[in-house]
Each structure stands twice: as C-alpha cells, then as structure tokens.
Amino acid sequence: LHERAADRVVKRAARRVGLSSDVSAHWLRHAFA
C-alpha cells in the first residue's frame, strides 16, 4: 500500500465524521501514545 493512498484513507475517515482536514496518520500515532 502506498503511503499517499494510506493517508487518503485516514483523511477521508476524519472528514466523514466532521474532523479537521489536518488530521493525518500521525495524529493516530499521537492518540495511541
């Protein structure tokens, strides 16, 4: 899976629930920690 495709998955999931367009995979890493 290419990173850009993975990033699109994260951003679409965030947008779907009304979150900021700035949300990225790294935000999930922050959330995990």
ModelCIF file with pLDDT and N, C-alpha, C, O atoms, coordinates in Angstrom:
data_MODEL
#
_entry.id   MODEL 
#
_entity.id                         1 
_entity.type                       polymer 
_entity.pdbx_number_of_molecules   1 
#
_entity_poly.entity_id                      1 
_entity_poly.type                           'polypeptide(L)' 
_entity_poly.nstd_linkage                   no 
_entity_poly.nstd_monomer                   no 
_entity_poly.pdbx_seq_one_letter_code       LHERAADRVVKRAARRVGLSSDVSAHWLRHAFA 
_entity_poly.pdbx_seq_one_letter_code_can   LHERAADRVVKRAARRVGLSSDVSAHWLRHAFA 
_entity_poly.pdbx_strand_id                 A 
#
loop_
_entity_poly_seq.entity_id 
_entity_poly_seq.num 
_entity_poly_seq.mon_id 
_entity_poly_seq.hetero 
1 1  LEU n 
1 2  HIS n 
1 3  GLU n 
1 4  ARG n 
1 5  ALA n 
1 6  ALA n 
1 7  ASP n 
1 8  ARG n 
1 9  VAL n 
1 10 VAL n 
1 11 LYS n 
1 12 ARG n 
1 13 ALA n 
1 14 ALA n 
1 15 ARG n 
1 16 ARG n 
1 17 VAL n 
1 18 GLY n 
1 19 LEU n 
1 20 SER n 
1 21 SER n 
1 22 ASP n 
1 23 VAL n 
1 24 SER n 
1 25 ALA n 
1 26 HIS n 
1 27 TRP n 
1 28 LEU n 
1 29 ARG n 
1 30 HIS n 
1 31 ALA n 
1 32 PHE n 
1 33 ALA n 
#
_struct_asym.id          A 
_struct_asym.entity_id   1 
#
loop_
_ma_qa_metric.id 
_ma_qa_metric.mode 
_ma_qa_metric.name 
_ma_qa_metric.software_group_id 
_ma_qa_metric.type 
1 global pLDDT . pLDDT 
2 local  pLDDT . pLDDT 
#
_ma_qa_metric_global.metric_id      1 
_ma_qa_metric_global.metric_value   92.39 
_ma_qa_metric_global.model_id       1 
_ma_qa_metric_global.ordinal_id     1 
#
loop_
_ma_qa_metric_local.label_asym_id 
_ma_qa_metric_local.label_comp_id 
_ma_qa_metric_local.label_seq_id 
_ma_qa_metric_local.metric_id 
_ma_qa_metric_local.metric_value 
_ma_qa_metric_local.model_id 
_ma_qa_metric_local.ordinal_id 
A LEU 1  2 93.00 1 1  
A HIS 2  2 93.00 1 2  
A GLU 3  2 92.00 1 3  
A ARG 4  2 91.00 1 4  
A ALA 5  2 94.00 1 5  
A ALA 6  2 95.00 1 6  
A ASP 7  2 93.00 1 7  
A ARG 8  2 95.00 1 8  
A VAL 9  2 96.00 1 9  
A VAL 10 2 96.00 1 10 
A LYS 11 2 95.00 1 11 
A ARG 12 2 96.00 1 12 
A ALA 13 2 96.00 1 13 
A ALA 14 2 95.00 1 14 
A ARG 15 2 96.00 1 15 
A ARG 16 2 96.00 1 16 
A VAL 17 2 95.00 1 17 
A GLY 18 2 95.00 1 18 
A LEU 19 2 92.00 1 19 
A SER 20 2 86.00 1 20 
A SER 21 2 87.00 1 21 
A ASP 22 2 86.00 1 22 
A VAL 23 2 91.00 1 23 
A SER 24 2 91.00 1 24 
A ALA 25 2 93.00 1 25 
A HIS 26 2 89.00 1 26 
A TRP 27 2 90.00 1 27 
A LEU 28 2 94.00 1 28 
A ARG 29 2 90.00 1 29 
A HIS 30 2 88.00 1 30 
A ALA 31 2 90.00 1 31 
A PHE 32 2 91.00 1 32 
A ALA 33 2 89.00 1 33 
#
loop_
_atom_site.group_PDB 
_atom_site.id 
_atom_site.type_symbol 
_atom_site.label_atom_id 
_atom_site.label_alt_id 
_atom_site.label_comp_id 
_atom_site.label_asym_id 
_atom_site.label_entity_id 
_atom_site.label_seq_id 
_atom_site.pdbx_PDB_ins_code 
_atom_site.Cartn_x 
_atom_site.Cartn_y 
_atom_site.Cartn_z 
_atom_site.occupancy 
_atom_site.B_iso_or_equiv 
_atom_site.pdbx_formal_charge 
_atom_site.auth_seq_id 
_atom_site.auth_comp_id 
_atom_site.auth_asym_id 
_atom_site.auth_atom_id 
_atom_site.pdbx_PDB_model_num 
ATOM 1   N N  . LEU A 1 1  ? 0.848   -1.190 0.000  1.00 93.00 ? 1  LEU A N  1 
ATOM 2   C CA . LEU A 1 1  ? 0.000   0.000  0.000  1.00 93.00 ? 1  LEU A CA 1 
ATOM 3   C C  . LEU A 1 1  ? 0.883   1.240  0.000  1.00 93.00 ? 1  LEU A C  1 
ATOM 4   O O  . LEU A 1 1  ? 1.795   1.348  0.821  1.00 93.00 ? 1  LEU A O  1 
ATOM 5   N N  . HIS A 1 2  ? 0.631   2.161  -0.894 1.00 93.00 ? 2  HIS A N  1 
ATOM 6   C CA . HIS A 1 2  ? 1.445   3.369  -0.941 1.00 93.00 ? 2  HIS A CA 1 
ATOM 7   C C  . HIS A 1 2  ? 1.022   4.333  0.162  1.00 93.00 ? 2  HIS A C  1 
ATOM 8   O O  . HIS A 1 2  ? -0.151  4.397  0.530  1.00 93.00 ? 2  HIS A O  1 
ATOM 9   N N  . GLU A 1 3  ? 1.986   5.076  0.679  1.00 92.00 ? 3  GLU A N  1 
ATOM 10  C CA . GLU A 1 3  ? 1.725   5.984  1.792  1.00 92.00 ? 3  GLU A CA 1 
ATOM 11  C C  . GLU A 1 3  ? 0.686   7.044  1.450  1.00 92.00 ? 3  GLU A C  1 
ATOM 12  O O  . GLU A 1 3  ? -0.134  7.397  2.297  1.00 92.00 ? 3  GLU A O  1 
ATOM 13  N N  . ARG A 1 4  ? 0.708   7.551  0.233  1.00 91.00 ? 4  ARG A N  1 
ATOM 14  C CA . ARG A 1 4  ? -0.270  8.578  -0.144 1.00 91.00 ? 4  ARG A CA 1 
ATOM 15  C C  . ARG A 1 4  ? -1.685  8.007  -0.127 1.00 91.00 ? 4  ARG A C  1 
ATOM 16  O O  . ARG A 1 4  ? -2.634  8.687  0.264  1.00 91.00 ? 4  ARG A O  1 
ATOM 17  N N  . ALA A 1 5  ? -1.816  6.744  -0.557 1.00 94.00 ? 5  ALA A N  1 
ATOM 18  C CA . ALA A 1 5  ? -3.121  6.097  -0.526 1.00 94.00 ? 5  ALA A CA 1 
ATOM 19  C C  . ALA A 1 5  ? -3.578  5.890  0.919  1.00 94.00 ? 5  ALA A C  1 
ATOM 20  O O  . ALA A 1 5  ? -4.749  6.087  1.245  1.00 94.00 ? 5  ALA A O  1 
ATOM 21  N N  . ALA A 1 6  ? -2.646  5.494  1.774  1.00 95.00 ? 6  ALA A N  1 
ATOM 22  C CA . ALA A 1 6  ? -2.975  5.300  3.191  1.00 95.00 ? 6  ALA A CA 1 
ATOM 23  C C  . ALA A 1 6  ? -3.377  6.619  3.833  1.00 95.00 ? 6  ALA A C  1 
ATOM 24  O O  . ALA A 1 6  ? -4.309  6.664  4.637  1.00 95.00 ? 6  ALA A O  1 
ATOM 25  N N  . ASP A 1 7  ? -2.684  7.679  3.483  1.00 93.00 ? 7  ASP A N  1 
ATOM 26  C CA . ASP A 1 7  ? -3.015  8.992  4.036  1.00 93.00 ? 7  ASP A CA 1 
ATOM 27  C C  . ASP A 1 7  ? -4.412  9.422  3.609  1.00 93.00 ? 7  ASP A C  1 
ATOM 28  O O  . ASP A 1 7  ? -5.141  10.034 4.390  1.00 93.00 ? 7  ASP A O  1 
ATOM 29  N N  . ARG A 1 8  ? -4.785  9.106  2.375  1.00 95.00 ? 8  ARG A N  1 
ATOM 30  C CA . ARG A 1 8  ? -6.134  9.453  1.902  1.00 95.00 ? 8  ARG A CA 1 
ATOM 31  C C  . ARG A 1 8  ? -7.200  8.708  2.707  1.00 95.00 ? 8  ARG A C  1 
ATOM 32  O O  . ARG A 1 8  ? -8.268  9.250  2.992  1.00 95.00 ? 8  ARG A O  1 
ATOM 33  N N  . VAL A 1 9  ? -6.897  7.465  3.066  1.00 96.00 ? 9  VAL A N  1 
ATOM 34  C CA . VAL A 1 9  ? -7.853  6.689  3.866  1.00 96.00 ? 9  VAL A CA 1 
ATOM 35  C C  . VAL A 1 9  ? -8.099  7.380  5.201  1.00 96.00 ? 9  VAL A C  1 
ATOM 36  O O  . VAL A 1 9  ? -9.241  7.503  5.644  1.00 96.00 ? 9  VAL A O  1 
ATOM 37  N N  . VAL A 1 10 ? -7.019  7.832  5.839  1.00 96.00 ? 10 VAL A N  1 
ATOM 38  C CA . VAL A 1 10 ? -7.136  8.490  7.140  1.00 96.00 ? 10 VAL A CA 1 
ATOM 39  C C  . VAL A 1 10 ? -7.923  9.797  7.007  1.00 96.00 ? 10 VAL A C  1 
ATOM 40  O O  . VAL A 1 10 ? -8.828  10.066 7.797  1.00 96.00 ? 10 VAL A O  1 
ATOM 41  N N  . LYS A 1 11 ? -7.576  10.596 6.013  1.00 95.00 ? 11 LYS A N  1 
ATOM 42  C CA . LYS A 1 11 ? -8.227  11.892 5.848  1.00 95.00 ? 11 LYS A CA 1 
ATOM 43  C C  . LYS A 1 11 ? -9.713  11.747 5.516  1.00 95.00 ? 11 LYS A C  1 
ATOM 44  O O  . LYS A 1 11 ? -10.544 12.525 5.984  1.00 95.00 ? 11 LYS A O  1 
ATOM 45  N N  . ARG A 1 12 ? -10.031 10.741 4.703  1.00 96.00 ? 12 ARG A N  1 
ATOM 46  C CA . ARG A 1 12 ? -11.448 10.524 4.380  1.00 96.00 ? 12 ARG A CA 1 
ATOM 47  C C  . ARG A 1 12 ? -12.220 10.077 5.612  1.00 96.00 ? 12 ARG A C  1 
ATOM 48  O O  . ARG A 1 12 ? -13.359 10.493 5.824  1.00 96.00 ? 12 ARG A O  1 
ATOM 49  N N  . ALA A 1 13 ? -11.601 9.232  6.420  1.00 96.00 ? 13 ALA A N  1 
ATOM 50  C CA . ALA A 1 13 ? -12.254 8.769  7.646  1.00 96.00 ? 13 ALA A CA 1 
ATOM 51  C C  . ALA A 1 13 ? -12.493 9.932  8.603  1.00 96.00 ? 13 ALA A C  1 
ATOM 52  O O  . ALA A 1 13 ? -13.527 10.002 9.268  1.00 96.00 ? 13 ALA A O  1 
ATOM 53  N N  . ALA A 1 14 ? -11.520 10.843 8.663  1.00 95.00 ? 14 ALA A N  1 
ATOM 54  C CA . ALA A 1 14 ? -11.664 12.017 9.529  1.00 95.00 ? 14 ALA A CA 1 
ATOM 55  C C  . ALA A 1 14 ? -12.740 12.959 8.995  1.00 95.00 ? 14 ALA A C  1 
ATOM 56  O O  . ALA A 1 14 ? -13.576 13.453 9.751  1.00 95.00 ? 14 ALA A O  1 
ATOM 57  N N  . ARG A 1 15 ? -12.710 13.196 7.704  1.00 96.00 ? 15 ARG A N  1 
ATOM 58  C CA . ARG A 1 15 ? -13.688 14.103 7.090  1.00 96.00 ? 15 ARG A CA 1 
ATOM 59  C C  . ARG A 1 15 ? -15.108 13.550 7.230  1.00 96.00 ? 15 ARG A C  1 
ATOM 60  O O  . ARG A 1 15 ? -16.066 14.305 7.399  1.00 96.00 ? 15 ARG A O  1 
ATOM 61  N N  . ARG A 1 16 ? -15.227 12.245 7.157  1.00 96.00 ? 16 ARG A N  1 
ATOM 62  C CA . ARG A 1 16 ? -16.532 11.595 7.240  1.00 96.00 ? 16 ARG A CA 1 
ATOM 63  C C  . ARG A 1 16 ? -17.242 11.891 8.561  1.00 96.00 ? 16 ARG A C  1 
ATOM 64  O O  . ARG A 1 16 ? -18.471 11.932 8.619  1.00 96.00 ? 16 ARG A O  1 
ATOM 65  N N  . VAL A 1 17 ? -16.451 12.097 9.624  1.00 95.00 ? 17 VAL A N  1 
ATOM 66  C CA . VAL A 1 17 ? -17.054 12.355 10.948 1.00 95.00 ? 17 VAL A CA 1 
ATOM 67  C C  . VAL A 1 17 ? -16.872 13.808 11.385 1.00 95.00 ? 17 VAL A C  1 
ATOM 68  O O  . VAL A 1 17 ? -17.013 14.137 12.563 1.00 95.00 ? 17 VAL A O  1 
ATOM 69  N N  . GLY A 1 18 ? -16.554 14.678 10.409 1.00 95.00 ? 18 GLY A N  1 
ATOM 70  C CA . GLY A 1 18 ? -16.511 16.106 10.684 1.00 95.00 ? 18 GLY A CA 1 
ATOM 71  C C  . GLY A 1 18 ? -15.254 16.615 11.350 1.00 95.00 ? 18 GLY A C  1 
ATOM 72  O O  . GLY A 1 18 ? -15.274 17.682 11.963 1.00 95.00 ? 18 GLY A O  1 
ATOM 73  N N  . LEU A 1 19 ? -14.139 15.869 11.247 1.00 92.00 ? 19 LEU A N  1 
ATOM 74  C CA . LEU A 1 19 ? -12.888 16.317 11.848 1.00 92.00 ? 19 LEU A CA 1 
ATOM 75  C C  . LEU A 1 19 ? -12.089 17.173 10.874 1.00 92.00 ? 19 LEU A C  1 
ATOM 76  O O  . LEU A 1 19 ? -12.381 17.207 9.678  1.00 92.00 ? 19 LEU A O  1 
ATOM 77  N N  . SER A 1 20 ? -11.091 17.853 11.390 1.00 86.00 ? 20 SER A N  1 
ATOM 78  C CA . SER A 1 20 ? -10.264 18.767 10.608 1.00 86.00 ? 20 SER A CA 1 
ATOM 79  C C  . SER A 1 20 ? -9.563  18.055 9.448  1.00 86.00 ? 20 SER A C  1 
ATOM 80  O O  . SER A 1 20 ? -9.205  16.881 9.544  1.00 86.00 ? 20 SER A O  1 
ATOM 81  N N  . SER A 1 21 ? -9.380  18.785 8.365  1.00 87.00 ? 21 SER A N  1 
ATOM 82  C CA . SER A 1 21 ? -8.647  18.246 7.217  1.00 87.00 ? 21 SER A CA 1 
ATOM 83  C C  . SER A 1 21 ? -7.172  18.069 7.519  1.00 87.00 ? 21 SER A C  1 
ATOM 84  O O  . SER A 1 21 ? -6.445  17.447 6.744  1.00 87.00 ? 21 SER A O  1 
ATOM 85  N N  . ASP A 1 22 ? -6.724  18.618 8.652  1.00 86.00 ? 22 ASP A N  1 
ATOM 86  C CA . ASP A 1 22 ? -5.327  18.458 9.054  1.00 86.00 ? 22 ASP A CA 1 
ATOM 87  C C  . ASP A 1 22 ? -5.043  17.078 9.636  1.00 86.00 ? 22 ASP A C  1 
ATOM 88  O O  . ASP A 1 22 ? -3.882  16.684 9.753  1.00 86.00 ? 22 ASP A O  1 
ATOM 89  N N  . VAL A 1 23 ? -6.084  16.346 10.001 1.00 91.00 ? 23 VAL A N  1 
ATOM 90  C CA . VAL A 1 23 ? -5.886  15.026 10.614 1.00 91.00 ? 23 VAL A CA 1 
ATOM 91  C C  . VAL A 1 23 ? -5.115  14.126 9.648  1.00 91.00 ? 23 VAL A C  1 
ATOM 92  O O  . VAL A 1 23 ? -5.439  14.042 8.463  1.00 91.00 ? 23 VAL A O  1 
ATOM 93  N N  . SER A 1 24 ? -4.094  13.457 10.176 1.00 91.00 ? 24 SER A N  1 
ATOM 94  C CA . SER A 1 24 ? -3.264  12.562 9.378  1.00 91.00 ? 24 SER A CA 1 
ATOM 95  C C  . SER A 1 24 ? -3.007  11.291 10.173 1.00 91.00 ? 24 SER A C  1 
ATOM 96  O O  . SER A 1 24 ? -3.451  11.160 11.314 1.00 91.00 ? 24 SER A O  1 
ATOM 97  N N  . ALA A 1 25 ? -2.287  10.357 9.563  1.00 93.00 ? 25 ALA A N  1 
ATOM 98  C CA . ALA A 1 25 ? -1.942  9.111  10.247 1.00 93.00 ? 25 ALA A CA 1 
ATOM 99  C C  . ALA A 1 25 ? -1.145  9.389  11.520 1.00 93.00 ? 25 ALA A C  1 
ATOM 100 O O  . ALA A 1 25 ? -1.260  8.650  12.497 1.00 93.00 ? 25 ALA A O  1 
ATOM 101 N N  . HIS A 1 26 ? -0.346  10.442 11.512 1.00 89.00 ? 26 HIS A N  1 
ATOM 102 C CA . HIS A 1 26 ? 0.467   10.738 12.679 1.00 89.00 ? 26 HIS A CA 1 
ATOM 103 C C  . HIS A 1 26 ? -0.399  11.152 13.869 1.00 89.00 ? 26 HIS A C  1 
ATOM 104 O O  . HIS A 1 26 ? 0.004   10.988 15.020 1.00 89.00 ? 26 HIS A O  1 
ATOM 105 N N  . TRP A 1 27 ? -1.572  11.683 13.595 1.00 90.00 ? 27 TRP A N  1 
ATOM 106 C CA . TRP A 1 27 ? -2.493  12.021 14.685 1.00 90.00 ? 27 TRP A CA 1 
ATOM 107 C C  . TRP A 1 27 ? -2.954  10.747 15.397 1.00 90.00 ? 27 TRP A C  1 
ATOM 108 O O  . TRP A 1 27 ? -3.176  10.753 16.608 1.00 90.00 ? 27 TRP A O  1 
ATOM 109 N N  . LEU A 1 28 ? -3.096  9.658  14.640 1.00 94.00 ? 28 LEU A N  1 
ATOM 110 C CA . LEU A 1 28 ? -3.461  8.384  15.258 1.00 94.00 ? 28 LEU A CA 1 
ATOM 111 C C  . LEU A 1 28 ? -2.318  7.855  16.111 1.00 94.00 ? 28 LEU A C  1 
ATOM 112 O O  . LEU A 1 28 ? -2.552  7.221  17.140 1.00 94.00 ? 28 LEU A O  1 
ATOM 113 N N  . ARG A 1 29 ? -1.094  8.109  15.695 1.00 90.00 ? 29 ARG A N  1 
ATOM 114 C CA . ARG A 1 29 ? 0.081   7.741  16.495 1.00 90.00 ? 29 ARG A CA 1 
ATOM 115 C C  . ARG A 1 29 ? 0.086   8.535  17.804 1.00 90.00 ? 29 ARG A C  1 
ATOM 116 O O  . ARG A 1 29 ? 0.335   7.984  18.877 1.00 90.00 ? 29 ARG A O  1 
ATOM 117 N N  . HIS A 1 30 ? -0.189  9.824  17.697 1.00 88.00 ? 30 HIS A N  1 
ATOM 118 C CA . HIS A 1 30 ? -0.296  10.651 18.904 1.00 88.00 ? 30 HIS A CA 1 
ATOM 119 C C  . HIS A 1 30 ? -1.398  10.120 19.821 1.00 88.00 ? 30 HIS A C  1 
ATOM 120 O O  . HIS A 1 30 ? -1.221  10.038 21.037 1.00 88.00 ? 30 HIS A O  1 
ATOM 121 N N  . ALA A 1 31 ? -2.536  9.759  19.224 1.00 90.00 ? 31 ALA A N  1 
ATOM 122 C CA . ALA A 1 31 ? -3.663  9.272  20.012 1.00 90.00 ? 31 ALA A CA 1 
ATOM 123 C C  . ALA A 1 31 ? -3.291  7.976  20.722 1.00 90.00 ? 31 ALA A C  1 
ATOM 124 O O  . ALA A 1 31 ? -3.623  7.787  21.892 1.00 90.00 ? 31 ALA A O  1 
ATOM 125 N N  . PHE A 1 32 ? -2.601  7.083  20.011 1.00 91.00 ? 32 PHE A N  1 
ATOM 126 C CA . PHE A 1 32 ? -2.163  5.830  20.633 1.00 91.00 ? 32 PHE A CA 1 
ATOM 127 C C  . PHE A 1 32 ? -1.332  6.109  21.876 1.00 91.00 ? 32 PHE A C  1 
ATOM 128 O O  . PHE A 1 32 ? -1.587  5.539  22.937 1.00 91.00 ? 32 PHE A O  1 
ATOM 129 N N  . ALA A 1 33 ? -0.334  6.989  21.750 1.00 89.00 ? 33 ALA A N  1 
ATOM 130 C CA . ALA A 1 33 ? 0.556   7.291  22.871 1.00 89.00 ? 33 ALA A CA 1 
ATOM 131 C C  . ALA A 1 33 ? -0.220  7.879  24.041 1.00 89.00 ? 33 ALA A C  1 
ATOM 132 O O  . ALA A 1 33 ? 0.367   8.195  25.075 1.00 89.00 ? 33 ALA A O  1 
#
